[in-house]
Amino acid sequence: MPLPLLDRLESFYDAVPRLDARAEPHGALTLFVRDGGGFPYYARPTIGAGTPTAVDVRLVRERQRELGITQAFEWVHETTPGLLEVVEAAGIAVLRAPLLVLDGPVRTPEVDAVVRVPEPDEPGFLDDVAVVRAVAQLAFSTPGTGLGDTGPRDRDTLLPTVTPVHVPKFRYALAEDAADGVVAVGMTQRAGEVAEVVGVGTLPSARRRGLGAAVTAALAVDALELGVDLVFLSAGSEEIARVYERVGFQRVGTACVAEVE
């Protein structure tokens, strides 16, 4: 029998950080720690250990302060419902992000841009990785779906400062406008037969054109073609979730994200 959906997601969440981080047990929480550079990880409930306590949360926060990293926790509310109360009681605000799973065929929107998924052996691949990171950084600096002034000129100014490091677990997608170049990007990260769509962002000046949905669709199709049988993502808001629903994703729960600098 296949694992239930939420159990498969929990296994994925536990497996992905272990690809490039070490796991430290702290009661019913596991803190994933990266040595050296790269995105700092978070603490998650340990599979099969029950609901983390206030003491577990305090111990993890002390360790994160010792390491000089953000005090961050992530979990799925439906899997560990009691953790929300514990974290909020500690005075940490919690983002409740819609958790969606691809349900049925991918619905790819028609857009006025070329969407592509580059291969690691293609010429210019690391240049593409750098552009993905630059566009994502600018997009997430102005969250939401509203139009804004940040655009290609800001991307080109930021680009020389970006170090293009390819992590093998990632696949990348770029939406390229004929006039303005790459204006929307996204990634998937994979563990086994499960892939998560992450980092989908559009430059504010290019929003409201369906580019984020098109990038998401391209990443989902790419993952399925590579043998994945479960594609999921978390949306930053209900409004953003509706963009993904138009591609074929359906809400199955709530991903909780809590951070303190």
Protein backbone atom coordinates (compact mmCIF):
# COMPACT_ATOMS: atom_id res chain seq x y z
CA MET A 1 0.00 0.00 0.00
CA PRO A 2 1.35 3.47 -0.84
CA LEU A 3 1.87 5.83 2.05
CA PRO A 4 -0.97 8.30 2.63
CA LEU A 5 -0.40 11.66 0.96
CA LEU A 6 0.58 13.65 4.05
CA ASP A 7 2.94 10.89 5.19
CA ARG A 8 4.68 11.02 1.81
CA LEU A 9 5.04 14.78 2.12
CA GLU A 10 6.44 14.42 5.63
CA SER A 11 9.00 11.90 4.39
CA PHE A 12 9.98 14.33 1.63
CA TYR A 13 10.35 17.23 4.05
CA ASP A 14 12.63 15.08 6.18
CA ALA A 15 14.69 13.77 3.25
CA VAL A 16 15.43 16.95 1.29
CA PRO A 17 17.49 18.80 3.93
CA ARG A 18 19.54 15.66 4.58
CA LEU A 19 20.94 15.94 1.03
CA ASP A 20 23.14 18.88 2.07
CA ALA A 21 22.74 19.33 5.83
CA ARG A 22 23.20 17.38 9.03
CA ALA A 23 20.34 16.57 11.38
CA GLU A 24 20.48 17.43 15.07
CA PRO A 25 17.81 15.90 17.38
CA HIS A 26 16.27 18.20 19.97
CA GLY A 27 13.45 16.35 21.69
CA ALA A 28 10.63 15.91 19.18
CA LEU A 29 12.24 18.39 16.75
CA THR A 30 15.01 17.87 14.22
CA LEU A 31 17.19 20.87 13.40
CA PHE A 32 18.85 20.73 9.99
CA VAL A 33 22.20 22.50 9.99
CA ARG A 34 24.31 23.45 6.99
CA ASP A 35 28.04 23.89 7.42
CA GLY A 36 29.51 26.62 5.26
CA GLY A 37 27.50 28.72 2.82
CA GLY A 38 24.04 28.21 1.39
CA PHE A 39 20.47 28.62 2.52
CA PRO A 40 20.17 28.02 6.30
CA TYR A 41 17.66 25.33 7.15
CA TYR A 42 15.06 25.11 9.90
CA ALA A 43 13.69 22.73 12.50
CA ARG A 44 10.85 20.31 11.76
CA PRO A 45 8.92 17.78 13.83
CA THR A 46 10.77 14.48 14.03
CA ILE A 47 8.80 11.75 12.27
CA GLY A 48 7.07 9.50 14.78
CA ALA A 49 8.14 11.54 17.84
CA GLY A 50 4.80 13.19 18.63
CA THR A 51 4.07 16.87 19.18
CA PRO A 52 7.11 18.99 20.10
CA THR A 53 6.91 20.69 23.49
CA ALA A 54 7.69 24.23 24.59
CA VAL A 55 10.99 22.90 25.94
CA ASP A 56 11.86 21.42 22.55
CA VAL A 57 11.17 24.76 20.87
CA ARG A 58 13.26 26.62 23.45
CA LEU A 59 16.21 24.26 23.03
CA VAL A 60 16.14 24.61 19.24
CA ARG A 61 16.00 28.40 19.46
CA GLU A 62 18.98 28.41 21.79
CA ARG A 63 20.91 26.23 19.35
CA GLN A 64 19.96 28.43 16.41
CA ARG A 65 21.14 31.52 18.29
CA GLU A 66 24.40 29.71 19.06
CA LEU A 67 24.83 28.96 15.34
CA GLY A 68 23.96 32.53 14.37
CA ILE A 69 21.11 31.49 12.06
CA THR A 70 17.47 32.48 11.81
CA GLN A 71 15.21 30.84 14.39
CA ALA A 72 13.01 29.01 11.89
CA PHE A 73 10.45 26.22 12.16
CA GLU A 74 8.40 24.56 9.43
CA TRP A 75 5.70 21.91 9.62
CA VAL A 76 2.38 20.77 8.14
CA HIS A 77 -0.50 21.70 10.42
CA GLU A 78 -2.61 18.65 9.58
CA THR A 79 0.32 16.34 10.43
CA THR A 80 1.38 18.07 13.67
CA PRO A 81 -1.62 20.20 14.70
CA GLY A 82 -0.48 20.79 18.28
CA LEU A 83 2.72 22.58 17.28
CA LEU A 84 0.92 25.76 16.19
CA GLU A 85 -0.21 26.55 19.73
CA VAL A 86 3.25 25.77 21.15
CA VAL A 87 5.07 28.04 18.68
CA GLU A 88 2.61 30.91 18.99
CA ALA A 89 2.81 30.65 22.80
CA ALA A 90 6.55 31.23 22.41
CA GLY A 91 5.74 34.57 20.80
CA ILE A 92 6.63 33.57 17.24
CA ALA A 93 4.34 34.64 14.38
CA VAL A 94 3.30 31.80 12.07
CA LEU A 95 2.61 32.07 8.35
CA ARG A 96 -0.17 29.68 7.34
CA ALA A 97 0.57 28.86 3.70
CA PRO A 98 -1.87 26.90 1.54
CA LEU A 99 -0.37 23.49 0.73
CA LEU A 100 -1.31 22.23 -2.73
CA VAL A 101 -0.76 19.02 -4.69
CA LEU A 102 -0.98 18.54 -8.45
CA ASP A 103 -4.27 16.75 -9.06
CA GLY A 104 -4.67 15.57 -12.65
CA PRO A 105 -3.10 16.87 -15.85
CA VAL A 106 -1.09 20.09 -15.92
CA ARG A 107 -2.97 23.02 -17.45
CA THR A 108 -0.36 25.17 -19.20
CA PRO A 109 -1.43 28.78 -19.85
CA GLU A 110 -0.59 30.57 -23.06
CA VAL A 111 1.76 33.50 -22.40
CA ASP A 112 3.69 36.06 -24.43
CA ALA A 113 7.07 34.69 -23.37
CA VAL A 114 9.26 31.65 -23.97
CA VAL A 115 9.38 29.30 -20.97
CA ARG A 116 12.26 26.84 -20.80
CA VAL A 117 13.86 24.37 -18.41
CA PRO A 118 17.63 24.35 -19.06
CA GLU A 119 19.72 21.19 -18.76
CA PRO A 120 22.93 21.21 -16.67
CA ASP A 121 25.06 20.24 -19.68
CA GLU A 122 23.80 23.11 -21.84
CA PRO A 123 26.12 26.05 -22.59
CA GLY A 124 25.27 28.99 -20.38
CA PHE A 125 23.58 26.86 -17.72
CA LEU A 126 25.29 28.60 -14.80
CA ASP A 127 24.33 31.95 -16.31
CA ASP A 128 20.72 30.77 -16.21
CA VAL A 129 21.13 29.75 -12.57
CA ALA A 130 22.43 33.23 -11.74
CA VAL A 131 19.46 34.87 -13.48
CA VAL A 132 17.03 32.60 -11.62
CA ARG A 133 18.51 33.65 -8.30
CA ALA A 134 18.55 37.34 -9.18
CA VAL A 135 14.95 37.44 -10.41
CA ALA A 136 13.75 35.40 -7.43
CA GLN A 137 15.50 37.74 -4.99
CA LEU A 138 13.86 40.80 -6.53
CA ALA A 139 10.45 39.12 -6.80
CA PHE A 140 10.40 38.04 -3.17
CA SER A 141 11.55 41.48 -2.06
CA THR A 142 8.14 42.67 -3.29
CA PRO A 143 5.81 39.77 -2.45
CA GLY A 144 2.33 39.29 -3.83
CA THR A 145 0.90 39.52 -7.31
CA GLY A 146 0.61 43.28 -7.76
CA LEU A 147 2.41 45.29 -10.41
CA GLY A 148 5.45 47.32 -9.37
CA ASP A 149 8.40 49.30 -10.62
CA THR A 150 11.12 46.72 -10.05
CA GLY A 151 12.09 45.31 -13.43
CA PRO A 152 14.83 44.26 -15.88
CA ARG A 153 17.15 47.14 -15.05
CA ASP A 154 17.16 46.11 -11.39
CA ARG A 155 17.81 42.50 -12.41
CA ASP A 156 20.78 43.50 -14.53
CA THR A 157 22.18 45.64 -11.71
CA LEU A 158 21.89 42.78 -9.21
CA LEU A 159 23.12 40.02 -11.52
CA PRO A 160 26.90 40.68 -11.26
CA THR A 161 26.69 40.20 -7.49
CA VAL A 162 25.07 36.76 -7.71
CA THR A 163 27.23 33.65 -7.42
CA PRO A 164 25.73 30.89 -9.61
CA VAL A 165 25.96 27.68 -7.60
CA HIS A 166 24.05 24.71 -9.01
CA VAL A 167 22.67 22.23 -6.48
CA PRO A 168 21.89 18.89 -8.20
CA LYS A 169 18.53 18.43 -6.46
CA PHE A 170 17.20 21.55 -8.22
CA ARG A 171 15.66 22.01 -11.66
CA TYR A 172 15.12 25.53 -12.96
CA ALA A 173 12.59 27.24 -15.23
CA LEU A 174 12.79 30.69 -16.83
CA ALA A 175 10.20 32.79 -18.67
CA GLU A 176 11.95 35.04 -21.18
CA ASP A 177 10.32 38.08 -22.72
CA ALA A 178 11.49 39.12 -26.18
CA ALA A 179 12.05 42.70 -25.09
CA ASP A 180 13.07 42.41 -21.44
CA GLY A 181 14.80 39.03 -21.12
CA VAL A 182 14.11 36.72 -18.17
CA VAL A 183 11.29 38.14 -16.05
CA ALA A 184 9.91 35.09 -14.21
CA VAL A 185 11.59 32.03 -12.70
CA GLY A 186 11.05 29.00 -10.49
CA MET A 187 12.63 25.76 -9.32
CA THR A 188 11.78 22.24 -8.22
CA GLN A 189 13.62 20.21 -5.62
CA ARG A 190 13.29 16.43 -5.67
CA ALA A 191 13.65 13.50 -3.31
CA GLY A 192 12.68 10.09 -4.68
CA GLU A 193 9.44 10.27 -6.64
CA VAL A 194 8.30 13.53 -5.01
CA ALA A 195 9.09 17.05 -6.24
CA GLU A 196 8.31 20.41 -4.68
CA VAL A 197 7.92 23.57 -6.75
CA VAL A 198 9.72 26.42 -4.97
CA GLY A 199 10.96 29.93 -5.61
CA VAL A 200 8.41 30.89 -8.27
CA GLY A 201 8.65 34.63 -8.74
CA THR A 202 7.99 37.32 -11.34
CA LEU A 203 9.60 40.73 -11.56
CA PRO A 204 6.93 43.20 -10.35
CA SER A 205 6.99 45.08 -13.66
CA ALA A 206 6.01 41.87 -15.53
CA ARG A 207 3.21 40.61 -13.27
CA ARG A 208 -0.43 39.94 -14.15
CA ARG A 209 0.57 38.16 -17.40
CA GLY A 210 0.31 34.55 -16.24
CA LEU A 211 4.08 34.04 -16.22
CA GLY A 212 4.26 32.58 -12.73
CA ALA A 213 1.60 30.04 -13.66
CA ALA A 214 3.44 29.20 -16.89
CA VAL A 215 6.73 28.64 -15.04
CA THR A 216 4.94 26.44 -12.49
CA ALA A 217 3.33 24.40 -15.25
CA ALA A 218 6.68 23.91 -17.01
CA LEU A 219 8.31 22.71 -13.79
CA ALA A 220 5.45 20.31 -13.07
CA VAL A 221 5.60 18.82 -16.58
CA ASP A 222 9.38 18.50 -16.32
CA ALA A 223 9.12 16.68 -12.98
CA LEU A 224 6.52 14.25 -14.31
CA GLU A 225 8.61 13.53 -17.39
CA LEU A 226 11.56 12.71 -15.12
CA GLY A 227 9.56 10.07 -13.25
CA VAL A 228 8.07 11.99 -10.33
CA ASP A 229 4.55 10.90 -9.39
CA LEU A 230 3.77 13.57 -6.77
CA VAL A 231 4.29 17.31 -7.32
CA PHE A 232 3.37 19.82 -4.62
CA LEU A 233 4.00 23.37 -3.47
CA SER A 234 3.18 25.92 -0.80
CA ALA A 235 1.63 29.27 -1.69
CA GLY A 236 2.46 32.51 0.10
CA SER A 237 -1.19 33.54 0.31
CA GLU A 238 -4.70 32.55 -0.70
CA GLU A 239 -4.43 34.89 -3.70
CA ILE A 240 -1.26 33.20 -4.90
CA ALA A 241 -2.81 29.77 -4.27
CA ARG A 242 -5.52 30.59 -6.81
CA VAL A 243 -2.79 31.07 -9.46
CA TYR A 244 -1.56 27.53 -8.83
CA GLU A 245 -5.08 26.11 -8.79
CA ARG A 246 -5.50 27.31 -12.37
CA VAL A 247 -2.51 25.14 -13.32
CA GLY A 248 -4.06 22.02 -11.78
CA PHE A 249 -3.03 22.09 -8.11
CA GLN A 250 -5.53 21.39 -5.33
CA ARG A 251 -5.28 22.39 -1.69
CA VAL A 252 -4.68 19.53 0.74
CA GLY A 253 -3.55 21.30 3.90
CA THR A 254 -1.60 24.14 5.49
CA ALA A 255 2.18 24.54 5.61
CA CYS A 256 3.25 26.52 8.67
CA VAL A 257 6.38 28.68 8.60
CA ALA A 258 7.63 30.49 11.71
CA GLU A 259 10.74 32.68 11.81
CA VAL A 260 12.48 35.03 14.22
CA GLU A 261 15.65 36.84 13.18
